[in-house]
Protein backbone atom coordinates (compact mmCIF):
# COMPACT_ATOMS: atom_id res chain seq x y z
CA MET A 1 -48.11 -54.03 -32.81
CA LYS A 2 -44.51 -54.76 -32.02
CA PHE A 3 -41.97 -52.15 -30.50
CA GLU A 4 -38.28 -52.62 -31.02
CA THR A 5 -35.73 -51.27 -28.66
CA SER A 6 -32.18 -50.73 -29.86
CA ASN A 7 -29.64 -50.93 -27.03
CA LYS A 8 -26.68 -50.35 -29.03
CA PRO A 9 -23.59 -48.44 -27.58
CA LEU A 10 -23.20 -44.93 -28.59
CA SER A 11 -20.70 -44.85 -31.49
CA ILE A 12 -19.82 -41.13 -31.41
CA PHE A 13 -18.55 -38.96 -28.63
CA ALA A 14 -19.89 -35.68 -27.85
CA TYR A 15 -17.13 -33.32 -27.34
CA SER A 16 -19.29 -30.32 -26.17
CA SER A 17 -19.22 -31.41 -22.51
CA LEU A 18 -15.41 -31.82 -22.56
CA THR A 19 -15.09 -28.37 -24.18
CA ASP A 20 -17.21 -26.75 -21.42
CA ILE A 21 -15.16 -28.40 -18.83
CA VAL A 22 -11.79 -27.16 -20.39
CA MET A 23 -13.12 -23.55 -20.90
CA GLN A 24 -14.09 -23.36 -17.16
CA LEU A 25 -10.82 -24.70 -16.17
CA LEU A 26 -9.28 -22.22 -18.40
CA ILE A 27 -11.40 -19.18 -16.96
CA PHE A 28 -10.63 -20.46 -13.37
CA PHE A 29 -6.69 -20.45 -13.73
CA LEU A 30 -6.74 -17.12 -15.48
CA LEU A 31 -8.83 -15.45 -12.71
CA THR A 32 -6.89 -17.18 -9.89
CA SER A 33 -3.47 -16.15 -11.54
CA GLN A 34 -4.34 -12.54 -11.00
CA PHE A 35 -4.35 -12.97 -7.15
CA VAL A 36 -0.67 -13.99 -7.00
CA ILE A 37 1.11 -11.12 -5.35
CA GLN A 38 4.84 -10.87 -4.33
CA THR A 39 4.28 -9.05 -1.03
CA GLY A 40 1.53 -7.73 0.98
CA VAL A 41 2.73 -3.97 0.25
CA LYS A 42 1.30 -2.68 -2.75
CA VAL A 43 3.30 0.02 -4.77
CA LYS A 44 3.36 1.16 -8.33
CA LEU A 45 6.70 0.27 -9.52
CA PRO A 46 8.60 2.55 -12.04
CA GLY A 47 8.69 1.29 -15.52
CA SER A 48 11.60 0.01 -17.46
CA LYS A 49 12.17 -1.08 -20.94
CA ASN A 50 14.93 -3.60 -20.08
CA ASN A 51 13.41 -5.35 -17.21
CA GLU A 52 15.04 -8.68 -16.11
CA GLN A 53 13.38 -11.44 -13.88
CA VAL A 54 15.05 -11.69 -10.63
CA ALA A 55 15.24 -14.77 -8.51
CA PRO A 56 12.98 -14.42 -5.41
CA ALA A 57 15.09 -12.97 -2.48
CA LYS A 58 14.69 -13.12 1.21
CA MET A 59 15.59 -9.33 1.84
CA VAL A 60 13.02 -6.93 0.27
CA VAL A 61 12.59 -3.51 1.27
CA THR A 62 9.41 -1.72 0.20
CA ILE A 63 8.93 1.91 0.26
CA THR A 64 5.20 3.00 -0.12
CA GLU A 65 3.92 6.27 -1.77
CA GLN A 66 3.38 7.57 1.79
CA GLY A 67 7.13 6.93 2.69
CA ARG A 68 6.50 3.92 4.92
CA ILE A 69 9.28 1.50 4.88
CA PHE A 70 8.58 -2.31 5.18
CA LEU A 71 11.34 -5.09 5.43
CA GLY A 72 9.30 -8.05 3.97
CA ASN A 73 5.87 -7.47 5.39
CA GLU A 74 6.98 -5.81 8.48
CA GLU A 75 6.83 -2.08 8.80
CA THR A 76 9.70 -0.42 10.39
CA SER A 77 11.28 3.07 10.31
CA ILE A 78 14.64 4.25 8.72
CA ASP A 79 16.28 4.30 12.11
CA LYS A 80 15.42 0.78 13.04
CA LEU A 81 16.12 -0.55 9.38
CA ALA A 82 19.74 -1.18 10.10
CA GLY A 83 19.20 -3.42 13.04
CA LYS A 84 16.54 -5.44 11.24
CA LEU A 85 18.62 -5.58 8.01
CA GLU A 86 21.51 -7.03 9.92
CA VAL A 87 19.45 -9.70 11.38
CA ALA A 88 17.95 -10.70 7.94
CA LYS A 89 21.31 -10.64 6.58
CA GLN A 90 22.76 -13.01 9.17
CA ASN A 91 19.54 -15.30 8.83
CA THR A 92 19.34 -15.48 4.97
CA LYS A 93 23.23 -15.47 4.20
CA GLU A 94 22.52 -12.98 1.44
CA SER A 95 24.38 -9.82 0.44
CA ASN A 96 21.56 -8.58 -2.16
CA LEU A 97 19.00 -6.28 -1.21
CA ILE A 98 15.98 -5.71 -3.48
CA ILE A 99 14.40 -2.33 -3.05
CA ARG A 100 10.53 -1.88 -4.26
CA ALA A 101 10.00 1.74 -4.22
CA ASP A 102 6.88 3.53 -5.43
CA LYS A 103 7.51 5.46 -8.43
CA SER A 104 6.47 8.65 -6.60
CA VAL A 105 8.88 8.13 -3.77
CA LYS A 106 11.59 10.68 -3.50
CA ILE A 107 15.08 9.58 -4.44
CA ASP A 108 16.29 10.91 -1.19
CA LEU A 109 14.46 8.19 0.97
CA VAL A 110 15.77 5.53 -1.54
CA ILE A 111 19.34 6.74 -1.08
CA ARG A 112 18.88 6.73 2.85
CA VAL A 113 17.80 3.12 2.60
CA ILE A 114 20.73 2.12 0.49
CA ASP A 115 23.11 4.11 2.70
CA THR A 116 21.63 2.34 5.66
CA ALA A 117 22.22 -1.06 4.24
CA LYS A 118 25.82 -0.16 2.95
CA GLY A 119 26.59 0.62 6.68
CA ILE A 120 25.96 -2.82 7.67
CA GLY A 121 27.91 -4.40 4.83
CA ILE A 122 25.29 -5.03 2.11
CA ASP A 123 26.91 -4.45 -0.99
CA LYS A 124 24.50 -5.53 -3.89
CA PHE A 125 21.27 -3.64 -4.54
CA THR A 126 18.57 -4.34 -7.19
CA ILE A 127 15.75 -1.94 -7.68
CA GLU A 128 12.66 -3.65 -8.74
CA THR A 129 10.76 -2.17 -11.86
CA GLU A 130 7.77 -3.31 -14.03
CA LYS A 131 8.11 -4.16 -17.68
CA GLU A 132 7.00 -1.29 -19.70
CA ASN A 133 5.84 -1.45 -23.31
CA PHE A 134 7.16 1.66 -25.32
């Protein structure tokens, strides 16, 4: 009895393994994109229908739900904010202050932050919001 072996190259390409790899990469990138956060301070921003993307700025003041104030990732008080903003303004050469206030923060605290910034010569303010679908 004679057995024959066929050592022919495979003429078809199996796409199933390539599809598995692409799906795993897609899942990986979708999951890791959720971990990209602008700052380390979490706040629930108020919604806005006409939200525009703003270029990343160096001077960001964040006000949390508890009324804590952060300049960047560093916590400060309203009394010390003027000095720290002045140093940040000189270092960054920017005149635009982005305010990220939690939607439950009283407007009085936001006005005090704006008034403090105006006192040192900052004349442009942006209040950051989230895109809201109505």
